Amino acid sequence: MTSPHAPAELIMTGAAVGLVAAGITEDDFIPAAPLAACRLCGAIYQTKLHRDLYRSRQMGYVDPPSLLMKVVDLGTKWRENHAKKVHTAAEIEEFTRTGWAFTPEAAKVLAPFGIIPLGIMHPEIEDAMFIADRKPDLTKLEGGE
């Protein structure tokens, strides 16, 4: 089975704007902080540790190795568990063959979080991003404790 975790094109993160005005604080979600996301359904995983790593970088500190490894491990485990619990192997394989960065359903969820594909987009993905809500749906965010 092909990995659903590596997109065929570049993806930009951190492009969300107006989050504070929408009532979403940095305690909830930081668009530029490390995260994991599902390219099939749009579920997102970002913990306090992910946000702490971002804040540490913003202050100019070198990544603490233990924190960096913890964040990487958390994301990897979340991706593997999410794929097993939510998606079938056939669904993942079918999506992987498209070469798209996201499904249209995922694009609609991820765009408000500032996660968008770069490059040539299929019209279905463009349409999904165009009709997406401007405020991210925090029910799609996991690990936000």
N, C-alpha and C. Protein backbone atom coordinates (compact mmCIF):
# COMPACT_ATOMS: atom_id res chain seq x y z
N MET A 1 0.85 -1.19 0.00
CA MET A 1 0.00 0.00 0.00
C MET A 1 0.88 1.24 0.00
N THR A 2 0.51 2.23 -0.79
CA THR A 2 1.22 3.50 -0.85
C THR A 2 0.89 4.33 0.38
N SER A 3 1.86 5.11 0.85
CA SER A 3 1.64 5.94 2.03
C SER A 3 0.75 7.13 1.70
N PRO A 4 -0.28 7.37 2.49
CA PRO A 4 -1.14 8.54 2.27
C PRO A 4 -0.56 9.80 2.90
N HIS A 5 0.60 9.68 3.52
CA HIS A 5 1.13 10.79 4.31
C HIS A 5 1.96 11.77 3.50
N ALA A 6 2.48 11.38 2.35
CA ALA A 6 3.35 12.24 1.57
C ALA A 6 2.63 12.73 0.33
N PRO A 7 2.27 14.01 0.27
CA PRO A 7 1.54 14.51 -0.89
C PRO A 7 2.42 14.61 -2.13
N ALA A 8 1.79 14.59 -3.28
CA ALA A 8 2.50 14.67 -4.55
C ALA A 8 2.90 16.10 -4.88
N GLU A 9 2.38 17.06 -4.15
CA GLU A 9 2.73 18.45 -4.40
C GLU A 9 2.96 19.17 -3.08
N LEU A 10 3.50 20.37 -3.18
CA LEU A 10 3.78 21.14 -1.96
C LEU A 10 2.48 21.60 -1.31
N ILE A 11 2.54 21.71 0.00
CA ILE A 11 1.40 22.19 0.77
C ILE A 11 1.87 23.35 1.64
N MET A 12 1.11 24.42 1.63
CA MET A 12 1.44 25.57 2.47
C MET A 12 0.62 25.49 3.75
N THR A 13 1.29 25.72 4.88
CA THR A 13 0.59 25.81 6.16
C THR A 13 0.86 27.20 6.73
N GLY A 14 0.07 27.60 7.70
CA GLY A 14 0.28 28.89 8.35
C GLY A 14 -0.41 30.03 7.65
N ALA A 15 -1.28 29.76 6.68
CA ALA A 15 -1.90 30.80 5.88
C ALA A 15 -3.23 31.30 6.43
N ALA A 16 -3.62 30.84 7.61
CA ALA A 16 -4.90 31.28 8.18
C ALA A 16 -4.79 32.71 8.67
N VAL A 17 -5.83 33.48 8.48
CA VAL A 17 -5.87 34.86 8.96
C VAL A 17 -7.16 35.08 9.73
N GLY A 18 -7.14 36.04 10.63
CA GLY A 18 -8.34 36.42 11.36
C GLY A 18 -8.79 35.43 12.42
N LEU A 19 -7.89 34.56 12.87
CA LEU A 19 -8.30 33.56 13.85
C LEU A 19 -8.69 34.18 15.19
N VAL A 20 -7.92 35.15 15.64
CA VAL A 20 -8.23 35.79 16.93
C VAL A 20 -9.59 36.47 16.86
N ALA A 21 -9.88 37.16 15.76
CA ALA A 21 -11.18 37.79 15.59
C ALA A 21 -12.31 36.77 15.57
N ALA A 22 -11.99 35.55 15.15
CA ALA A 22 -12.98 34.47 15.11
C ALA A 22 -13.09 33.75 16.46
N GLY A 23 -12.31 34.21 17.45
CA GLY A 23 -12.37 33.61 18.78
C GLY A 23 -11.45 32.41 18.97
N ILE A 24 -10.50 32.22 18.05
CA ILE A 24 -9.57 31.09 18.14
C ILE A 24 -8.23 31.63 18.62
N THR A 25 -7.83 31.23 19.81
CA THR A 25 -6.60 31.74 20.40
C THR A 25 -5.43 30.81 20.10
N GLU A 26 -4.23 31.28 20.44
CA GLU A 26 -3.04 30.45 20.27
C GLU A 26 -3.03 29.27 21.23
N ASP A 27 -3.90 29.28 22.21
CA ASP A 27 -4.04 28.10 23.08
C ASP A 27 -4.84 27.01 22.38
N ASP A 28 -5.62 27.39 21.36
CA ASP A 28 -6.42 26.43 20.59
C ASP A 28 -5.65 25.88 19.40
N PHE A 29 -5.04 26.78 18.62
CA PHE A 29 -4.41 26.40 17.37
C PHE A 29 -3.48 27.50 16.90
N ILE A 30 -2.29 27.11 16.43
CA ILE A 30 -1.35 28.05 15.82
C ILE A 30 -1.09 27.54 14.40
N PRO A 31 -1.54 28.28 13.37
CA PRO A 31 -1.41 27.79 12.00
C PRO A 31 0.02 27.47 11.57
N ALA A 32 1.00 28.22 12.07
CA ALA A 32 2.39 28.01 11.66
C ALA A 32 3.12 26.96 12.49
N ALA A 33 2.48 26.45 13.53
CA ALA A 33 3.11 25.43 14.38
C ALA A 33 3.04 24.07 13.69
N PRO A 34 3.93 23.16 14.06
CA PRO A 34 3.85 21.81 13.50
C PRO A 34 2.47 21.20 13.73
N LEU A 35 2.05 20.37 12.79
CA LEU A 35 0.76 19.69 12.91
C LEU A 35 0.78 18.46 12.04
N ALA A 36 -0.22 17.65 12.20
CA ALA A 36 -0.47 16.52 11.31
C ALA A 36 -1.89 16.68 10.81
N ALA A 37 -2.13 16.32 9.56
CA ALA A 37 -3.48 16.45 9.01
C ALA A 37 -3.76 15.30 8.06
N CYS A 38 -5.02 14.96 7.96
CA CYS A 38 -5.45 13.89 7.06
C CYS A 38 -5.83 14.50 5.72
N ARG A 39 -5.21 13.99 4.67
CA ARG A 39 -5.46 14.49 3.33
C ARG A 39 -6.74 13.93 2.73
N LEU A 40 -7.35 12.97 3.41
CA LEU A 40 -8.61 12.39 2.92
C LEU A 40 -9.84 13.05 3.52
N CYS A 41 -9.83 13.29 4.84
CA CYS A 41 -11.02 13.83 5.50
C CYS A 41 -10.81 15.20 6.13
N GLY A 42 -9.55 15.63 6.28
CA GLY A 42 -9.29 16.96 6.82
C GLY A 42 -9.12 17.02 8.33
N ALA A 43 -9.13 15.90 9.01
CA ALA A 43 -8.88 15.93 10.46
C ALA A 43 -7.48 16.48 10.71
N ILE A 44 -7.33 17.22 11.80
CA ILE A 44 -6.05 17.86 12.13
C ILE A 44 -5.65 17.50 13.54
N TYR A 45 -4.35 17.35 13.74
CA TYR A 45 -3.80 17.00 15.05
C TYR A 45 -2.70 18.00 15.40
N GLN A 46 -2.93 18.74 16.48
CA GLN A 46 -1.92 19.65 17.00
C GLN A 46 -2.10 19.74 18.51
N THR A 47 -1.05 19.38 19.25
CA THR A 47 -1.12 19.40 20.71
C THR A 47 -0.44 20.65 21.26
N LYS A 48 -0.54 20.80 22.56
CA LYS A 48 0.16 21.88 23.25
C LYS A 48 1.66 21.76 23.00
N LEU A 49 2.18 20.54 22.92
CA LEU A 49 3.61 20.34 22.66
C LEU A 49 3.99 20.88 21.28
N HIS A 50 3.13 20.70 20.29
CA HIS A 50 3.38 21.26 18.96
C HIS A 50 3.47 22.79 19.04
N ARG A 51 2.53 23.37 19.78
CA ARG A 51 2.52 24.83 19.91
C ARG A 51 3.71 25.32 20.74
N ASP A 52 4.12 24.56 21.76
CA ASP A 52 5.30 24.92 22.56
C ASP A 52 6.56 24.91 21.70
N LEU A 53 6.69 23.93 20.81
CA LEU A 53 7.85 23.87 19.93
C LEU A 53 7.88 25.10 19.03
N TYR A 54 6.73 25.49 18.51
CA TYR A 54 6.65 26.70 17.67
C TYR A 54 7.07 27.93 18.48
N ARG A 55 6.53 28.06 19.67
CA ARG A 55 6.88 29.23 20.50
C ARG A 55 8.37 29.26 20.82
N SER A 56 8.95 28.12 21.07
CA SER A 56 10.39 28.03 21.34
C SER A 56 11.18 28.52 20.12
N ARG A 57 10.76 28.11 18.95
CA ARG A 57 11.42 28.55 17.72
C ARG A 57 11.26 30.06 17.52
N GLN A 58 10.09 30.59 17.85
CA GLN A 58 9.84 32.02 17.70
C GLN A 58 10.75 32.85 18.61
N MET A 59 11.14 32.29 19.74
CA MET A 59 12.02 32.99 20.67
C MET A 59 13.49 32.80 20.29
N GLY A 60 13.74 32.06 19.21
CA GLY A 60 15.09 31.89 18.72
C GLY A 60 15.87 30.75 19.33
N TYR A 61 15.20 29.89 20.08
CA TYR A 61 15.88 28.76 20.69
C TYR A 61 16.07 27.63 19.68
N VAL A 62 17.14 26.89 19.86
CA VAL A 62 17.34 25.67 19.08
C VAL A 62 16.31 24.65 19.57
N ASP A 63 15.77 23.87 18.65
CA ASP A 63 14.76 22.88 19.04
C ASP A 63 15.31 21.97 20.13
N PRO A 64 14.64 21.90 21.29
CA PRO A 64 15.07 20.92 22.30
C PRO A 64 14.86 19.52 21.72
N PRO A 65 15.92 18.69 21.64
CA PRO A 65 15.78 17.38 20.98
C PRO A 65 14.65 16.52 21.54
N SER A 66 14.46 16.53 22.86
CA SER A 66 13.41 15.68 23.43
C SER A 66 12.02 16.17 23.01
N LEU A 67 11.82 17.48 22.95
CA LEU A 67 10.53 18.02 22.53
C LEU A 67 10.30 17.77 21.05
N LEU A 68 11.32 17.98 20.24
CA LEU A 68 11.19 17.74 18.81
C LEU A 68 10.83 16.28 18.53
N MET A 69 11.53 15.35 19.17
CA MET A 69 11.24 13.93 18.96
C MET A 69 9.84 13.56 19.44
N LYS A 70 9.41 14.14 20.54
CA LYS A 70 8.07 13.87 21.06
C LYS A 70 7.01 14.34 20.05
N VAL A 71 7.19 15.55 19.51
CA VAL A 71 6.24 16.09 18.54
C VAL A 71 6.21 15.23 17.28
N VAL A 72 7.37 14.84 16.78
CA VAL A 72 7.43 13.99 15.59
C VAL A 72 6.75 12.64 15.87
N ASP A 73 7.05 12.04 17.02
CA ASP A 73 6.44 10.75 17.37
C ASP A 73 4.93 10.86 17.51
N LEU A 74 4.45 11.92 18.16
CA LEU A 74 3.01 12.11 18.32
C LEU A 74 2.32 12.20 16.96
N GLY A 75 2.89 12.98 16.06
CA GLY A 75 2.30 13.13 14.73
C GLY A 75 2.28 11.83 13.95
N THR A 76 3.38 11.11 14.01
CA THR A 76 3.47 9.82 13.31
C THR A 76 2.44 8.83 13.84
N LYS A 77 2.35 8.73 15.15
CA LYS A 77 1.38 7.81 15.76
C LYS A 77 -0.05 8.22 15.41
N TRP A 78 -0.32 9.52 15.47
CA TRP A 78 -1.67 9.98 15.14
C TRP A 78 -2.01 9.62 13.70
N ARG A 79 -1.09 9.88 12.76
CA ARG A 79 -1.35 9.56 11.35
C ARG A 79 -1.66 8.08 11.17
N GLU A 80 -0.84 7.23 11.78
CA GLU A 80 -1.03 5.79 11.63
C GLU A 80 -2.36 5.34 12.24
N ASN A 81 -2.65 5.80 13.45
CA ASN A 81 -3.91 5.42 14.11
C ASN A 81 -5.12 5.97 13.36
N HIS A 82 -5.04 7.20 12.92
CA HIS A 82 -6.16 7.81 12.20
C HIS A 82 -6.44 7.04 10.91
N ALA A 83 -5.40 6.74 10.17
CA ALA A 83 -5.58 6.01 8.90
C ALA A 83 -6.23 4.65 9.15
N LYS A 84 -5.81 3.95 10.20
CA LYS A 84 -6.36 2.62 10.50
C LYS A 84 -7.81 2.70 10.98
N LYS A 85 -8.12 3.70 11.81
CA LYS A 85 -9.46 3.79 12.41
C LYS A 85 -10.51 4.39 11.49
N VAL A 86 -10.10 5.32 10.63
CA VAL A 86 -11.07 6.11 9.88
C VAL A 86 -11.16 5.73 8.41
N HIS A 87 -10.07 5.27 7.82
CA HIS A 87 -10.04 5.03 6.39
C HIS A 87 -9.65 3.59 6.06
N THR A 88 -10.22 3.07 4.99
CA THR A 88 -9.88 1.71 4.55
C THR A 88 -8.63 1.77 3.68
N ALA A 89 -7.96 0.64 3.57
CA ALA A 89 -6.78 0.55 2.71
C ALA A 89 -7.15 0.88 1.26
N ALA A 90 -8.31 0.41 0.82
CA ALA A 90 -8.75 0.68 -0.55
C ALA A 90 -9.00 2.18 -0.77
N GLU A 91 -9.59 2.82 0.20
CA GLU A 91 -9.85 4.25 0.11
C GLU A 91 -8.52 5.02 0.01
N ILE A 92 -7.56 4.65 0.82
CA ILE A 92 -6.25 5.30 0.81
C ILE A 92 -5.55 5.08 -0.52
N GLU A 93 -5.59 3.86 -1.01
CA GLU A 93 -4.93 3.53 -2.28
C GLU A 93 -5.59 4.28 -3.44
N GLU A 94 -6.90 4.32 -3.45
CA GLU A 94 -7.62 5.02 -4.51
C GLU A 94 -7.26 6.51 -4.50
N PHE A 95 -7.24 7.12 -3.32
CA PHE A 95 -6.87 8.53 -3.22
C PHE A 95 -5.43 8.76 -3.67
N THR A 96 -4.52 7.91 -3.26
CA THR A 96 -3.11 8.07 -3.59
C THR A 96 -2.89 8.07 -5.10
N ARG A 97 -3.68 7.29 -5.82
CA ARG A 97 -3.55 7.23 -7.28
C ARG A 97 -3.97 8.54 -7.96
N THR A 98 -4.75 9.38 -7.29
CA THR A 98 -5.19 10.63 -7.92
C THR A 98 -4.03 11.61 -8.08
N GLY A 99 -3.04 11.55 -7.16
CA GLY A 99 -1.94 12.50 -7.20
C GLY A 99 -2.31 13.85 -6.60
N TRP A 100 -3.53 13.97 -6.09
CA TRP A 100 -3.97 15.23 -5.51
C TRP A 100 -3.35 15.42 -4.13
N ALA A 101 -3.24 16.67 -3.73
CA ALA A 101 -2.75 16.97 -2.38
C ALA A 101 -3.80 16.56 -1.34
N PHE A 102 -5.08 16.84 -1.63
CA PHE A 102 -6.19 16.54 -0.72
C PHE A 102 -7.39 16.06 -1.53
N THR A 103 -8.32 15.42 -0.85
CA THR A 103 -9.63 15.21 -1.45
C THR A 103 -10.36 16.56 -1.37
N PRO A 104 -11.40 16.76 -2.17
CA PRO A 104 -12.18 17.99 -2.04
C PRO A 104 -12.75 18.16 -0.62
N GLU A 105 -13.17 17.05 -0.01
CA GLU A 105 -13.72 17.11 1.35
C GLU A 105 -12.67 17.62 2.34
N ALA A 106 -11.46 17.13 2.22
CA ALA A 106 -10.38 17.57 3.11
C ALA A 106 -10.01 19.02 2.82
N ALA A 107 -9.96 19.40 1.55
CA ALA A 107 -9.62 20.78 1.19
C ALA A 107 -10.59 21.77 1.82
N LYS A 108 -11.86 21.40 1.86
CA LYS A 108 -12.89 22.28 2.44
C LYS A 108 -12.67 22.46 3.94
N VAL A 109 -12.19 21.43 4.62
CA VAL A 109 -11.92 21.51 6.06
C VAL A 109 -10.59 22.20 6.34
N LEU A 110 -9.56 21.89 5.55
CA LEU A 110 -8.21 22.37 5.83
C LEU A 110 -7.98 23.83 5.44
N ALA A 111 -8.64 24.33 4.40
CA ALA A 111 -8.42 25.70 3.95
C ALA A 111 -8.63 26.74 5.05
N PRO A 112 -9.69 26.67 5.84
CA PRO A 112 -9.85 27.66 6.91
C PRO A 112 -8.74 27.60 7.97
N PHE A 113 -8.08 26.46 8.09
CA PHE A 113 -6.96 26.33 9.02
C PHE A 113 -5.66 26.86 8.39
N GLY A 114 -5.74 27.36 7.17
CA GLY A 114 -4.56 27.89 6.50
C GLY A 114 -3.69 26.84 5.86
N ILE A 115 -4.27 25.68 5.56
CA ILE A 115 -3.53 24.58 4.95
C ILE A 115 -4.06 24.41 3.54
N ILE A 116 -3.23 24.79 2.56
CA ILE A 116 -3.69 24.78 1.18
C ILE A 116 -2.62 24.17 0.27
N PRO A 117 -3.05 23.49 -0.80
CA PRO A 117 -2.07 22.94 -1.75
C PRO A 117 -1.52 24.05 -2.64
N LEU A 118 -0.30 23.87 -3.05
CA LEU A 118 0.32 24.79 -4.02
C LEU A 118 0.49 24.03 -5.32
N GLY A 119 0.37 24.70 -6.41
CA GLY A 119 0.52 24.04 -7.69
C GLY A 119 -0.81 23.95 -8.42
N ILE A 120 -0.85 23.07 -9.39
CA ILE A 120 -2.04 22.92 -10.21
C ILE A 120 -3.09 22.16 -9.40
N MET A 121 -4.25 22.77 -9.25
CA MET A 121 -5.32 22.15 -8.47
C MET A 121 -6.46 21.70 -9.38
N HIS A 122 -7.02 20.58 -9.04
CA HIS A 122 -8.20 20.10 -9.74
C HIS A 122 -9.35 21.06 -9.42
N PRO A 123 -10.23 21.32 -10.38
CA PRO A 123 -11.35 22.23 -10.12
C PRO A 123 -12.21 21.85 -8.91
N GLU A 124 -12.33 20.55 -8.62
CA GLU A 124 -13.12 20.14 -7.45
C GLU A 124 -12.48 20.64 -6.15
N ILE A 125 -11.15 20.66 -6.10
CA ILE A 125 -10.45 21.14 -4.90
C ILE A 125 -10.59 22.65 -4.80
N GLU A 126 -10.46 23.35 -5.93
CA GLU A 126 -10.65 24.80 -5.94
C GLU A 126 -12.05 25.14 -5.45
N ASP A 127 -13.06 24.45 -5.98
CA ASP A 127 -14.44 24.71 -5.59
C ASP A 127 -14.65 24.48 -4.09
N ALA A 128 -14.08 23.39 -3.58
CA ALA A 128 -14.23 23.07 -2.15
C ALA A 128 -13.61 24.16 -1.28
N MET A 129 -12.44 24.64 -1.66
CA MET A 129 -11.79 25.70 -0.88
C MET A 129 -12.58 27.00 -0.99
N PHE A 130 -13.17 27.26 -2.13
CA PHE A 130 -13.94 28.48 -2.33
C PHE A 130 -15.20 28.51 -1.45
N ILE A 131 -15.87 27.37 -1.30
CA ILE A 131 -17.11 27.35 -0.51
C ILE A 131 -16.87 27.06 0.97
N ALA A 132 -15.61 26.82 1.35
CA ALA A 132 -15.30 26.51 2.75
C ALA A 132 -15.64 27.69 3.66
N ASP A 133 -16.04 27.37 4.88
CA ASP A 133 -16.24 28.41 5.88
C ASP A 133 -14.92 29.15 6.08
N ARG A 134 -14.99 30.38 6.49
CA ARG A 134 -13.76 31.14 6.73
C ARG A 134 -13.21 30.87 8.13
N LYS A 135 -14.08 30.45 9.04
CA LYS A 135 -13.64 30.13 10.40
C LYS A 135 -13.37 28.62 10.48
N PRO A 136 -12.19 28.23 10.96
CA PRO A 136 -11.90 26.80 11.10
C PRO A 136 -12.89 26.11 12.04
N ASP A 137 -13.21 24.88 11.72
CA ASP A 137 -14.10 24.06 12.54
C ASP A 137 -13.24 23.33 13.57
N LEU A 138 -13.23 23.83 14.80
CA LEU A 138 -12.37 23.25 15.83
C LEU A 138 -12.78 21.83 16.22
N THR A 139 -13.96 21.38 15.81
CA THR A 139 -14.31 19.99 16.08
C THR A 139 -13.46 19.03 15.25
N LYS A 140 -12.82 19.54 14.21
CA LYS A 140 -11.92 18.73 13.38
C LYS A 140 -10.50 18.68 13.94
N LEU A 141 -10.24 19.46 14.99
CA LEU A 141 -8.91 19.55 15.58
C LEU A 141 -8.79 18.58 16.76
N GLU A 142 -7.85 17.67 16.67
CA GLU A 142 -7.59 16.72 17.74
C GLU A 142 -6.29 17.10 18.45
N GLY A 143 -6.18 16.71 19.71
CA GLY A 143 -4.96 16.97 20.47
C GLY A 143 -4.92 18.35 21.07
N GLY A 144 -5.99 19.08 21.00
CA GLY A 144 -5.99 20.46 21.46
C GLY A 144 -6.18 20.66 22.95
N GLU A 145 -5.89 19.62 23.72
CA GLU A 145 -6.09 19.71 25.18
C GLU A 145 -5.23 20.79 25.79
